[in-house]
PDB file of N, CA and C in Angstrom:
ATOM      1  N   MET A   1     229.956 103.935 -41.985  1.00  0.00           N
ATOM      2  CA  MET A   1     230.415 102.556 -41.664  1.00  0.00           C
ATOM      3  C   MET A   1     231.125 102.633 -40.602  1.00  0.00           C
ATOM      4  N   LEU A   2     232.153 103.612 -40.693  1.00  0.00           N
ATOM      5  CA  LEU A   2     233.164 103.770 -39.590  1.00  0.00           C
ATOM      6  C   LEU A   2     232.510 103.869 -38.150  1.00  0.00           C
ATOM      7  N   LYS A   3     231.343 104.695 -38.194  1.00  0.00           N
ATOM      8  CA  LYS A   3     230.710 104.996 -36.994  1.00  0.00           C
ATOM      9  C   LYS A   3     230.015 103.669 -36.461  1.00  0.00           C
ATOM     10  N   ALA A   4     229.449 102.848 -37.405  1.00  0.00           N
ATOM     11  CA  ALA A   4     228.889 101.623 -37.008  1.00  0.00           C
ATOM     12  C   ALA A   4     229.877 100.732 -36.188  1.00  0.00           C
ATOM     13  N   TYR A   5     231.138 100.502 -36.908  1.00  0.00           N
ATOM     14  CA  TYR A   5     232.173  99.761 -36.187  1.00  0.00           C
ATOM     15  C   TYR A   5     232.482 100.398 -34.881  1.00  0.00           C
ATOM     16  N   ARG A   6     232.690 101.572 -34.947  1.00  0.00           N
ATOM     17  CA  ARG A   6     232.984 102.192 -33.369  1.00  0.00           C
ATOM     18  C   ARG A   6     231.903 101.823 -32.480  1.00  0.00           C
ATOM     19  N   ASP A   7     230.614 101.886 -32.725  1.00  0.00           N
ATOM     20  CA  ASP A   7     229.600 101.562 -31.961  1.00  0.00           C
ATOM     21  C   ASP A   7     229.737 100.115 -31.413  1.00  0.00           C
ATOM     22  N   LEU A   8     229.855  99.158 -32.427  1.00  0.00           N
ATOM     23  CA  LEU A   8     230.172  97.951 -32.029  1.00  0.00           C
ATOM     24  C   LEU A   8     231.298  97.628 -31.137  1.00  0.00           C
ATOM     25  N   GLU A   9     232.499  98.435 -31.423  1.00  0.00           N
ATOM     26  CA  GLU A   9     233.695  98.359 -30.499  1.00  0.00           C
ATOM     27  C   GLU A   9     233.289  98.664 -29.038  1.00  0.00           C
ATOM     28  N   ARG A  10     232.536  99.834 -29.001  1.00  0.00           N
ATOM     29  CA  ARG A  10     232.311 100.382 -27.767  1.00  0.00           C
ATOM     30  C   ARG A  10     231.487  99.460 -26.850  1.00  0.00           C
ATOM     31  N   GLU A  11     230.478  98.549 -27.623  1.00  0.00           N
ATOM     32  CA  GLU A  11     229.584  97.660 -26.917  1.00  0.00           C
ATOM     33  C   GLU A  11     230.242  96.312 -26.710  1.00  0.00           C
ATOM     34  N   GLY A  12     231.706  96.264 -27.189  1.00  0.00           N
ATOM     35  CA  GLY A  12     232.327  94.902 -26.859  1.00  0.00           C
ATOM     36  C   GLY A  12     231.985  93.846 -27.900  1.00  0.00           C
ATOM     37  N   LEU A  13     231.355  94.185 -28.956  1.00  0.00           N
ATOM     38  CA  LEU A  13     230.997  93.013 -29.784  1.00  0.00           C
ATOM     39  C   LEU A  13     232.070  92.756 -30.870  1.00  0.00           C
ATOM     40  N   VAL A  14     232.885  93.806 -31.162  1.00  0.00           N
ATOM     41  CA  VAL A  14     233.851  93.381 -32.346  1.00  0.00           C
ATOM     42  C   VAL A  14     235.253  94.095 -31.495  1.00  0.00           C
ATOM     43  N   ALA A  15     236.348  93.599 -32.150  1.00  0.00           N
ATOM     44  CA  ALA A  15     237.710  94.274 -31.867  1.00  0.00           C
ATOM     45  C   ALA A  15     238.570  94.315 -32.991  1.00  0.00           C
ATOM     46  N   PRO A  16     239.222  95.607 -33.041  1.00  0.00           N
ATOM     47  CA  PRO A  16     240.074  95.716 -34.379  1.00  0.00           C
ATOM     48  C   PRO A  16     241.351  95.060 -34.135  1.00  0.00           C
ATOM     49  N   ARG A  17     241.944  94.685 -35.181  1.00  0.00           N
ATOM     50  CA  ARG A  17     243.379  94.108 -35.027  1.00  0.00           C
ATOM     51  C   ARG A  17     244.183  94.986 -36.290  1.00  0.00           C
ATOM     52  N   PRO A  18     244.976  95.784 -35.784  1.00  0.00           N
ATOM     53  CA  PRO A  18     245.709  96.623 -36.804  1.00  0.00           C
ATOM     54  C   PRO A  18     246.252  95.529 -37.891  1.00  0.00           C
ATOM     55  N   GLY A  19     246.121  95.998 -39.128  1.00  0.00           N
ATOM     56  CA  GLY A  19     246.776  95.391 -40.170  1.00  0.00           C
ATOM     57  C   GLY A  19     245.806  94.030 -40.619  1.00  0.00           C
ATOM     58  N   GLN A  20     244.895  93.798 -39.778  1.00  0.00           N
ATOM     59  CA  GLN A  20     244.186  92.549 -40.049  1.00  0.00           C
ATOM     60  C   GLN A  20     242.761  92.755 -40.392  1.00  0.00           C
ATOM     61  N   GLY A  21     242.141  93.716 -39.620  1.00  0.00           N
ATOM     62  CA  GLY A  21     240.774  93.928 -39.808  1.00  0.00           C
ATOM     63  C   GLY A  21     240.067  93.984 -38.699  1.00  0.00           C
ATOM     64  N   THR A  22     238.712  93.893 -38.653  1.00  0.00           N
ATOM     65  CA  THR A  22     237.806  93.815 -37.243  1.00  0.00           C
ATOM     66  C   THR A  22     237.181  92.496 -37.149  1.00  0.00           C
ATOM     67  N   PHE A  23     237.286  91.984 -35.829  1.00  0.00           N
ATOM     68  CA  PHE A  23     236.845  90.563 -35.509  1.00  0.00           C
ATOM     69  C   PHE A  23     235.767  90.594 -34.512  1.00  0.00           C
ATOM     70  N   VAL A  24     234.904  89.747 -34.672  1.00  0.00           N
ATOM     71  CA  VAL A  24     233.574  89.693 -33.864  1.00  0.00           C
ATOM     72  C   VAL A  24     234.257  88.940 -32.448  1.00  0.00           C
ATOM     73  N   GLN A  25     233.786  89.672 -31.364  1.00  0.00           N
ATOM     74  CA  GLN A  25     234.101  89.197 -29.980  1.00  0.00           C
ATOM     75  C   GLN A  25     232.939  88.387 -29.475  1.00  0.00           C
ATOM     76  N   GLN A  26     231.698  88.873 -29.710  1.00  0.00           N
ATOM     77  CA  GLN A  26     230.475  88.414 -29.173  1.00  0.00           C
ATOM     78  C   GLN A  26     229.542  88.579 -30.337  1.00  0.00           C
ATOM     79  N   SER A  27     228.423  87.821 -30.069  1.00  0.00           N
ATOM     80  CA  SER A  27     227.364  87.691 -30.942  1.00  0.00           C
ATOM     81  C   SER A  27     226.115  88.153 -30.139  1.00  0.00           C
ATOM     82  N   LEU A  28     225.038  88.736 -30.802  1.00  0.00           N
ATOM     83  CA  LEU A  28     223.883  88.916 -30.265  1.00  0.00           C
ATOM     84  C   LEU A  28     222.894  87.760 -30.709  1.00  0.00           C
ATOM     85  N   ALA A  29     223.378  86.992 -31.571  1.00  0.00           N
ATOM     86  CA  ALA A  29     222.472  85.867 -31.809  1.00  0.00           C
ATOM     87  C   ALA A  29     222.223  84.842 -30.748  1.00  0.00           C
ATOM     88  N   SER A  30     221.289  84.126 -30.947  1.00  0.00           N
ATOM     89  CA  SER A  30     220.793  82.952 -29.860  1.00  0.00           C
ATOM     90  C   SER A  30     221.983  82.121 -29.884  1.00  0.00           C
ATOM     91  N   PRO A  31     222.246  81.587 -28.582  1.00  0.00           N
ATOM     92  CA  PRO A  31     223.214  80.555 -28.634  1.00  0.00           C
ATOM     93  C   PRO A  31     222.852  79.277 -29.307  1.00  0.00           C
ATOM     94  N   SER A  32     221.600  78.942 -29.462  1.00  0.00           N
ATOM     95  CA  SER A  32     221.150  77.880 -30.023  1.00  0.00           C
ATOM     96  C   SER A  32     220.458  78.249 -31.370  1.00  0.00           C
ATOM     97  N   LEU A  33     221.269  78.157 -32.410  1.00  0.00           N
ATOM     98  CA  LEU A  33     220.623  78.507 -33.697  1.00  0.00           C
ATOM     99  C   LEU A  33     220.174  77.287 -34.340  1.00  0.00           C
ATOM    100  N   ALA A  34     218.901  76.965 -34.216  1.00  0.00           N
ATOM    101  CA  ALA A  34     218.192  75.929 -34.892  1.00  0.00           C
ATOM    102  C   ALA A  34     218.117  75.972 -36.252  1.00  0.00           C
ATOM    103  N   GLY A  35     218.396  74.862 -36.876  1.00  0.00           N
ATOM    104  CA  GLY A  35     218.147  74.839 -38.376  1.00  0.00           C
ATOM    105  C   GLY A  35     219.570  75.325 -39.121  1.00  0.00           C
ATOM    106  N   THR A  36     220.558  75.317 -38.532  1.00  0.00           N
ATOM    107  CA  THR A  36     221.692  75.835 -39.151  1.00  0.00           C
ATOM    108  C   THR A  36     222.713  74.803 -39.513  1.00  0.00           C
ATOM    109  N   ASP A  37     222.360  73.629 -39.303  1.00  0.00           N
ATOM    110  CA  ASP A  37     223.339  72.449 -39.587  1.00  0.00           C
ATOM    111  C   ASP A  37     223.777  72.458 -41.019  1.00  0.00           C
ATOM    112  N   ARG A  38     222.656  72.502 -41.983  1.00  0.00           N
ATOM    113  CA  ARG A  38     223.131  72.474 -43.431  1.00  0.00           C
ATOM    114  C   ARG A  38     224.085  73.740 -43.788  1.00  0.00           C
ATOM    115  N   LEU A  39     223.782  74.862 -43.204  1.00  0.00           N
ATOM    116  CA  LEU A  39     224.683  75.913 -43.505  1.00  0.00           C
ATOM    117  C   LEU A  39     226.067  75.959 -43.140  1.00  0.00           C
ATOM    118  N   GLN A  40     226.151  75.308 -41.809  1.00  0.00           N
ATOM    119  CA  GLN A  40     227.456  75.094 -41.270  1.00  0.00           C
ATOM    120  C   GLN A  40     228.250  74.083 -42.057  1.00  0.00           C
ATOM    121  N   ARG A  41     227.546  72.956 -42.573  1.00  0.00           N
ATOM    122  CA  ARG A  41     228.305  71.899 -43.436  1.00  0.00           C
ATOM    123  C   ARG A  41     228.679  72.606 -44.769  1.00  0.00           C
ATOM    124  N   ALA A  42     227.874  73.464 -45.212  1.00  0.00           N
ATOM    125  CA  ALA A  42     228.306  74.203 -46.556  1.00  0.00           C
ATOM    126  C   ALA A  42     229.481  75.078 -46.288  1.00  0.00           C
ATOM    127  N   LEU A  43     229.526  75.707 -45.137  1.00  0.00           N
ATOM    128  CA  LEU A  43     230.581  76.516 -44.920  1.00  0.00           C
ATOM    129  C   LEU A  43     231.821  75.756 -44.524  1.00  0.00           C
ATOM    130  N   ALA A  44     231.718  74.635 -43.994  1.00  0.00           N
ATOM    131  CA  ALA A  44     232.905  73.799 -43.692  1.00  0.00           C
ATOM    132  C   ALA A  44     233.345  73.256 -45.131  1.00  0.00           C
ATOM    133  N   GLY A  45     232.473  73.029 -45.997  1.00  0.00           N
ATOM    134  CA  GLY A  45     232.911  72.656 -47.409  1.00  0.00           C
ATOM    135  C   GLY A  45     233.763  73.864 -48.147  1.00  0.00           C
ATOM    136  N   TRP A  46     233.216  74.948 -47.909  1.00  0.00           N
ATOM    137  CA  TRP A  46     233.956  76.079 -48.466  1.00  0.00           C
ATOM    138  C   TRP A  46     235.219  76.341 -47.833  1.00  0.00           C
ATOM    139  N   PHE A  47     235.441  76.165 -46.603  1.00  0.00           N
ATOM    140  CA  PHE A  47     236.551  76.337 -45.913  1.00  0.00           C
ATOM    141  C   PHE A  47     237.663  75.219 -46.548  1.00  0.00           C
ATOM    142  N   HIS A  48     237.107  74.015 -46.591  1.00  0.00           N
ATOM    143  CA  HIS A  48     237.926  72.930 -47.237  1.00  0.00           C
ATOM    144  C   HIS A  48     238.394  73.372 -48.631  1.00  0.00           C
ATOM    145  N   GLN A  49     237.616  73.817 -49.449  1.00  0.00           N
ATOM    146  CA  GLN A  49     238.007  74.298 -50.901  1.00  0.00           C
ATOM    147  C   GLN A  49     238.980  75.563 -50.674  1.00  0.00           C
ATOM    148  N   ALA A  50     238.738  76.478 -49.742  1.00  0.00           N
ATOM    149  CA  ALA A  50     239.648  77.541 -49.572  1.00  0.00           C
ATOM    150  C   ALA A  50     241.082  77.094 -49.202  1.00  0.00           C
ATOM    151  N   ARG A  51     241.068  76.152 -48.299  1.00  0.00           N
ATOM    152  CA  ARG A  51     242.410  75.689 -47.797  1.00  0.00           C
ATOM    153  C   ARG A  51     242.973  75.005 -49.107  1.00  0.00           C
ATOM    154  N   ALA A  52     242.309  74.207 -49.708  1.00  0.00           N
ATOM    155  CA  ALA A  52     242.874  73.427 -50.944  1.00  0.00           C
ATOM    156  C   ALA A  52     243.462  74.435 -51.973  1.00  0.00           C
ATOM    157  N   ALA A  53     242.833  75.641 -52.090  1.00  0.00           N
ATOM    158  CA  ALA A  53     243.337  76.826 -52.926  1.00  0.00           C
ATOM    159  C   ALA A  53     244.478  77.575 -52.387  1.00  0.00           C
ATOM    160  N   GLY A  54     244.894  77.312 -51.203  1.00  0.00           N
ATOM    161  CA  GLY A  54     246.072  77.823 -50.624  1.00  0.00           C
ATOM    162  C   GLY A  54     245.719  78.969 -49.869  1.00  0.00           C
ATOM    163  N   LEU A  55     244.496  79.241 -49.472  1.00  0.00           N
ATOM    164  CA  LEU A  55     244.094  80.510 -48.726  1.00  0.00           C
ATOM    165  C   LEU A  55     244.408  80.251 -47.082  1.00  0.00           C
ATOM    166  N   THR A  56     244.910  81.303 -46.512  1.00  0.00           N
ATOM    167  CA  THR A  56     245.177  81.282 -45.132  1.00  0.00           C
ATOM    168  C   THR A  56     243.771  81.513 -44.424  1.00  0.00           C
ATOM    169  N   SER A  57     243.852  81.421 -43.078  1.00  0.00           N
ATOM    170  CA  SER A  57     242.726  81.792 -42.282  1.00  0.00           C
ATOM    171  C   SER A  57     242.260  83.282 -42.410  1.00  0.00           C
ATOM    172  N   GLU A  58     243.377  84.126 -42.453  1.00  0.00           N
ATOM    173  CA  GLU A  58     243.135  85.546 -42.601  1.00  0.00           C
ATOM    174  C   GLU A  58     242.622  85.887 -44.110  1.00  0.00           C
ATOM    175  N   ASP A  59     243.147  85.128 -45.216  1.00  0.00           N
ATOM    176  CA  ASP A  59     242.524  85.402 -46.418  1.00  0.00           C
ATOM    177  C   ASP A  59     240.983  85.095 -46.480  1.00  0.00           C
ATOM    178  N   MET A  60     240.675  83.820 -45.752  1.00  0.00           N
ATOM    179  CA  MET A  60     239.197  83.443 -45.689  1.00  0.00           C
ATOM    180  C   MET A  60     238.302  84.560 -44.843  1.00  0.00           C
ATOM    181  N   ALA A  61     238.940  84.800 -43.898  1.00  0.00           N
ATOM    182  CA  ALA A  61     238.268  85.851 -43.031  1.00  0.00           C
ATOM    183  C   ALA A  61     237.931  87.204 -43.732  1.00  0.00           C
ATOM    184  N   ALA A  62     238.990  87.697 -44.562  1.00  0.00           N
ATOM    185  CA  ALA A  62     238.769  88.846 -45.451  1.00  0.00           C
ATOM    186  C   ALA A  62     237.694  88.597 -46.571  1.00  0.00           C
ATOM    187  N   LEU A  63     237.769  87.547 -47.031  1.00  0.00           N
ATOM    188  CA  LEU A  63     236.903  87.261 -48.198  1.00  0.00           C
ATOM    189  C   LEU A  63     235.307  87.241 -47.461  1.00  0.00           C
ATOM    190  N   PHE A  64     235.169  86.581 -46.466  1.00  0.00           N
ATOM    191  CA  PHE A  64     234.025  86.313 -45.635  1.00  0.00           C
ATOM    192  C   PHE A  64     233.472  87.672 -45.435  1.00  0.00           C
ATOM    193  N   ASP A  65     234.342  88.661 -44.595  1.00  0.00           N
ATOM    194  CA  ASP A  65     233.865  90.020 -44.313  1.00  0.00           C
ATOM    195  C   ASP A  65     233.419  90.687 -45.407  1.00  0.00           C
ATOM    196  N   ARG A  66     234.151  90.620 -46.560  1.00  0.00           N
ATOM    197  CA  ARG A  66     233.853  91.402 -47.778  1.00  0.00           C
ATOM    198  C   ARG A  66     232.511  90.955 -48.360  1.00  0.00           C
ATOM    199  N   ALA A  67     232.188  89.672 -48.500  1.00  0.00           N
ATOM    200  CA  ALA A  67     230.941  89.095 -48.900  1.00  0.00           C
ATOM    201  C   ALA A  67     229.916  89.519 -48.066  1.00  0.00           C
ATOM    202  N   LEU A  68     230.109  89.478 -46.720  1.00  0.00           N
ATOM    203  CA  LEU A  68     229.073  89.801 -45.775  1.00  0.00           C
ATOM    204  C   LEU A  68     228.736  91.336 -45.943  1.00  0.00           C
ATOM    205  N   ARG A  69     229.633  92.111 -45.941  1.00  0.00           N
ATOM    206  CA  ARG A  69     229.475  93.634 -46.263  1.00  0.00           C
ATOM    207  C   ARG A  69     228.701  93.839 -47.406  1.00  0.00           C
ATOM    208  N   GLU A  70     229.224  93.305 -48.510  1.00  0.00           N
ATOM    209  CA  GLU A  70     228.621  93.494 -49.997  1.00  0.00           C
ATOM    210  C   GLU A  70     227.201  92.948 -49.891  1.00  0.00           C
ATOM    211  N   SER A  71     226.752  91.884 -49.107  1.00  0.00           N
ATOM    212  CA  SER A  71     225.430  91.268 -49.023  1.00  0.00           C
ATOM    213  C   SER A  71     224.680  92.386 -48.318  1.00  0.00           C
ATOM    214  N   GLU A  72     225.097  93.018 -47.101  1.00  0.00           N
ATOM    215  CA  GLU A  72     224.486  93.998 -46.441  1.00  0.00           C
ATOM    216  C   GLU A  72     224.233  95.328 -47.225  1.00  0.00           C
ATOM    217  N   GLU A  73     225.019  95.564 -48.148  1.00  0.00           N
ATOM    218  CA  GLU A  73     224.951  96.641 -49.002  1.00  0.00           C
ATOM    219  C   GLU A  73     224.062  96.500 -50.122  1.00  0.00           C
ATOM    220  N   GLY A  74     223.615  95.337 -50.413  1.00  0.00           N
ATOM    221  CA  GLY A  74     222.967  94.856 -51.543  1.00  0.00           C
ATOM    222  C   GLY A  74     223.834  94.814 -52.902  1.00  0.00           C
ATOM    223  N   VAL A  75     225.127  94.682 -52.773  1.00  0.00           N
ATOM    224  CA  VAL A  75     225.904  94.622 -53.968  1.00  0.00           C
ATOM    225  C   VAL A  75     225.983  93.266 -54.604  1.00  0.00           C
ATOM    226  N   ALA A  76     226.194  92.278 -53.782  1.00  0.00           N
ATOM    227  CA  ALA A  76     226.223  90.979 -54.282  1.00  0.00           C
ATOM    228  C   ALA A  76     225.005  90.389 -55.116  1.00  0.00           C
TER     229      ALA A  76
END
């Protein structure tokens, strides 16, 4: 996993922030992601619920990163 993060850093796609995690700087995804409106609305709803629960942006980013990693690992 560490090697993958280093490769992404070297390519300028992510940047580490000490004490906070690693954050995406660029994406390889197409700039026009057709058909993602429903997903974006659902994610906006999740952000609203997270804020109402008292989570900070950093808390939400950490939860999102963990869920993404677990989905990629097949844990979720």
